[in-house]
């Protein structure tokens, strides 16, 4: 890790505590995104501390990291966060980044049932973005389109307006829906 930003990154990640993004914003403003920083954030996102996972994925999202900026291993690390016990905030950030990630076939097989399960969970933001993630997956892997359409039909009855709004936006993004 670069000595120029490693201490500041650690401090910003630990200051987050799932609440204020002020320290993360300051860090992002002072440190341009670079490959070594992206690698460090991906490693931290795969760690055990829920708040630090959320902070690392927040920074990746804030930096606008896309699949083009990630190695296949880093991309897989982020996508696997959806399959593991991960903080809800880290999951949300990864789900919001899915549009820019190429989902490998080897992970798609495990991701689709995970996204289906997450779309039925308690957190309305995770439900909404999981359904969106399932659409992204189905767009890249057409064999999952029927399963997504079943998920969509079920999710359209969700009581949360935010879930229904996300589904309307998602439906407008893909010509096969």
Protein backbone atom coordinates (compact mmCIF):
# COMPACT_ATOMS: atom_id res chain seq x y z
CA UNK A 1 0.00 0.00 0.00
CA UNK A 2 1.27 3.44 -0.88
CA UNK A 3 2.73 5.19 2.11
CA UNK A 4 1.31 8.44 0.71
CA UNK A 5 -2.29 7.44 1.36
CA UNK A 6 -2.29 4.23 3.44
CA UNK A 7 -2.54 5.92 6.84
CA UNK A 8 -5.16 8.39 5.61
CA UNK A 9 -7.17 5.55 4.07
CA UNK A 10 -7.11 3.52 7.26
CA UNK A 11 -8.23 6.55 9.27
CA UNK A 12 -11.04 7.38 6.80
CA UNK A 13 -12.28 3.78 6.71
CA UNK A 14 -12.32 3.53 10.50
CA UNK A 15 -13.99 6.94 10.92
CA UNK A 16 -16.93 5.91 8.74
CA UNK A 17 -18.74 3.66 11.26
CA UNK A 18 -21.69 3.32 8.87
CA UNK A 19 -22.75 6.93 9.24
CA UNK A 20 -20.93 10.03 8.11
CA UNK A 21 -19.12 9.94 4.78
CA UNK A 22 -17.26 13.18 5.54
CA UNK A 23 -13.89 11.46 6.15
CA UNK A 24 -14.37 9.33 3.03
CA UNK A 25 -15.18 12.40 0.95
CA UNK A 26 -12.07 14.16 2.23
CA UNK A 27 -9.96 11.12 1.40
CA UNK A 28 -11.41 10.83 -2.11
CA UNK A 29 -10.89 14.54 -2.76
CA UNK A 30 -7.26 14.35 -1.67
CA UNK A 31 -6.34 11.07 -3.37
CA UNK A 32 -6.93 10.34 -7.04
CA UNK A 33 -7.97 6.81 -7.91
CA UNK A 34 -5.09 4.57 -8.95
CA UNK A 35 -4.72 0.83 -9.48
CA UNK A 36 -2.97 0.25 -6.15
CA UNK A 37 -5.72 2.09 -4.26
CA UNK A 38 -8.45 0.11 -6.06
CA UNK A 39 -6.66 -3.12 -5.16
CA UNK A 40 -6.42 -2.08 -1.50
CA UNK A 41 -10.11 -1.14 -1.38
CA UNK A 42 -11.14 -4.46 -2.95
CA UNK A 43 -9.06 -6.33 -0.38
CA UNK A 44 -10.62 -4.35 2.47
CA UNK A 45 -14.12 -4.89 1.05
CA UNK A 46 -13.53 -8.64 1.37
CA UNK A 47 -12.58 -8.29 5.06
CA UNK A 48 -14.59 -9.06 8.17
CA UNK A 49 -15.45 -5.61 9.54
CA UNK A 50 -18.93 -4.58 8.35
CA UNK A 51 -18.33 -0.84 8.67
CA UNK A 52 -15.00 -1.04 6.88
CA UNK A 53 -16.56 -3.15 4.10
CA UNK A 54 -19.23 -0.48 3.64
CA UNK A 55 -16.66 2.31 3.64
CA UNK A 56 -14.40 0.56 1.10
CA UNK A 57 -17.26 -0.17 -1.30
CA UNK A 58 -18.56 3.37 -0.82
CA UNK A 59 -15.16 4.69 -1.92
CA UNK A 60 -15.05 2.32 -4.91
CA UNK A 61 -18.47 3.57 -5.94
CA UNK A 62 -17.54 7.22 -5.23
CA UNK A 63 -14.45 6.89 -7.41
CA UNK A 64 -16.68 5.55 -10.18
CA UNK A 65 -14.74 2.30 -10.38
CA UNK A 66 -16.01 0.18 -13.24
CA UNK A 67 -15.22 -3.26 -14.54
CA UNK A 68 -12.60 -1.66 -16.76
CA UNK A 69 -10.72 -0.56 -13.64
CA UNK A 70 -10.75 -3.96 -11.97
CA UNK A 71 -8.78 -7.11 -12.53
CA UNK A 72 -10.89 -10.25 -12.92
CA UNK A 73 -9.91 -11.27 -9.36
CA UNK A 74 -11.01 -7.91 -7.95
CA UNK A 75 -14.29 -8.04 -9.86
CA UNK A 76 -14.94 -11.56 -8.56
CA UNK A 77 -14.08 -10.45 -5.01
CA UNK A 78 -16.71 -7.73 -5.18
CA UNK A 79 -19.36 -9.97 -6.74
CA UNK A 80 -18.70 -12.67 -4.15
CA UNK A 81 -19.69 -10.15 -1.49
CA UNK A 82 -23.24 -10.86 -2.64
CA UNK A 83 -22.78 -14.56 -1.85
CA UNK A 84 -21.23 -14.17 1.59
CA UNK A 85 -22.13 -12.68 4.93
CA UNK A 86 -21.38 -9.08 4.10
CA UNK A 87 -22.66 -5.83 5.51
CA UNK A 88 -25.88 -4.62 3.95
CA UNK A 89 -24.18 -1.39 2.93
CA UNK A 90 -21.33 -3.17 1.14
CA UNK A 91 -23.91 -5.35 -0.64
CA UNK A 92 -25.87 -2.28 -1.67
CA UNK A 93 -22.79 -0.60 -3.12
CA UNK A 94 -21.78 -3.71 -5.06
CA UNK A 95 -25.33 -4.10 -6.36
CA UNK A 96 -25.28 -0.47 -7.50
CA UNK A 97 -21.99 -1.09 -9.33
CA UNK A 98 -23.15 -4.26 -11.10
CA UNK A 99 -24.11 -2.48 -14.32
CA UNK A 100 -20.45 -1.80 -14.99
CA UNK A 101 -19.22 -5.30 -14.17
CA UNK A 102 -18.96 -8.23 -16.53
CA UNK A 103 -20.39 -11.18 -14.65
CA UNK A 104 -18.47 -14.36 -15.43
CA UNK A 105 -20.56 -17.44 -16.21
CA UNK A 106 -18.90 -19.33 -13.36
CA UNK A 107 -20.28 -16.79 -10.86
CA UNK A 108 -23.64 -16.27 -12.56
CA UNK A 109 -24.81 -19.72 -11.54
CA UNK A 110 -24.37 -18.87 -7.85
CA UNK A 111 -25.30 -15.20 -8.11
CA UNK A 112 -28.78 -15.66 -9.57
CA UNK A 113 -30.19 -17.61 -6.60
CA UNK A 114 -28.41 -15.24 -4.20
CA UNK A 115 -29.97 -12.22 -5.93
CA UNK A 116 -33.38 -13.89 -5.86
CA UNK A 117 -33.03 -14.48 -2.11
CA UNK A 118 -31.81 -10.92 -1.48
CA UNK A 119 -34.74 -9.53 -3.45
CA UNK A 120 -37.04 -11.10 -0.84
CA UNK A 121 -35.13 -9.81 2.20
CA UNK A 122 -36.07 -7.25 4.82
CA UNK A 123 -34.08 -4.27 3.53
CA UNK A 124 -36.02 -2.40 0.84
CA UNK A 125 -32.88 -0.96 -0.75
CA UNK A 126 -31.30 -4.41 -1.03
CA UNK A 127 -34.57 -5.79 -2.44
CA UNK A 128 -34.70 -3.09 -5.09
CA UNK A 129 -31.07 -3.28 -6.14
CA UNK A 130 -30.99 -7.10 -6.00
CA UNK A 131 -33.79 -7.21 -8.54
CA UNK A 132 -31.84 -4.72 -10.64
CA UNK A 133 -28.70 -6.86 -10.27
CA UNK A 134 -30.65 -9.92 -11.40
CA UNK A 135 -31.70 -8.00 -14.53
CA UNK A 136 -28.07 -7.07 -15.23
CA UNK A 137 -27.08 -10.71 -14.79
CA UNK A 138 -29.92 -11.88 -17.04
CA UNK A 139 -28.97 -9.32 -19.67
CA UNK A 140 -25.43 -10.70 -19.77
CA UNK A 141 -26.55 -14.35 -19.45
CA UNK A 142 -29.86 -14.75 -21.31
CA UNK A 143 -30.50 -18.21 -19.87
CA UNK A 144 -31.53 -16.42 -16.63
CA UNK A 145 -34.11 -14.12 -18.22
CA UNK A 146 -37.11 -16.30 -17.40
CA UNK A 147 -36.03 -16.46 -13.75
CA UNK A 148 -35.60 -12.70 -13.69
CA UNK A 149 -39.03 -12.15 -15.21
CA UNK A 150 -40.54 -14.36 -12.49
CA UNK A 151 -38.65 -12.32 -9.88
CA UNK A 152 -39.86 -9.10 -11.50
CA UNK A 153 -43.49 -10.24 -11.44
CA UNK A 154 -43.18 -11.03 -7.74
CA UNK A 155 -41.27 -7.84 -6.89
CA UNK A 156 -43.78 -5.56 -8.64
CA UNK A 157 -46.14 -6.28 -5.74
CA UNK A 158 -43.61 -5.00 -3.18
CA UNK A 159 -45.11 -2.58 -0.67
CA UNK A 160 -42.08 -0.26 -0.77
CA UNK A 161 -42.39 2.56 -3.35
CA UNK A 162 -38.59 2.66 -3.68
CA UNK A 163 -38.56 -0.97 -4.85
CA UNK A 164 -41.28 -0.36 -7.43
CA UNK A 165 -39.50 2.81 -8.66
CA UNK A 166 -36.19 0.95 -9.12
CA UNK A 167 -38.03 -1.82 -11.00
CA UNK A 168 -39.60 0.72 -13.38
CA UNK A 169 -36.16 2.19 -14.11
CA UNK A 170 -34.66 -1.26 -14.54
CA UNK A 171 -37.46 -2.35 -16.87
CA UNK A 172 -36.80 0.66 -19.09
CA UNK A 173 -33.10 -0.17 -19.40
CA UNK A 174 -33.40 -3.51 -21.18
CA UNK A 175 -35.37 -4.09 -24.37
CA UNK A 176 -36.09 -7.74 -23.50
CA UNK A 177 -38.10 -6.88 -20.35
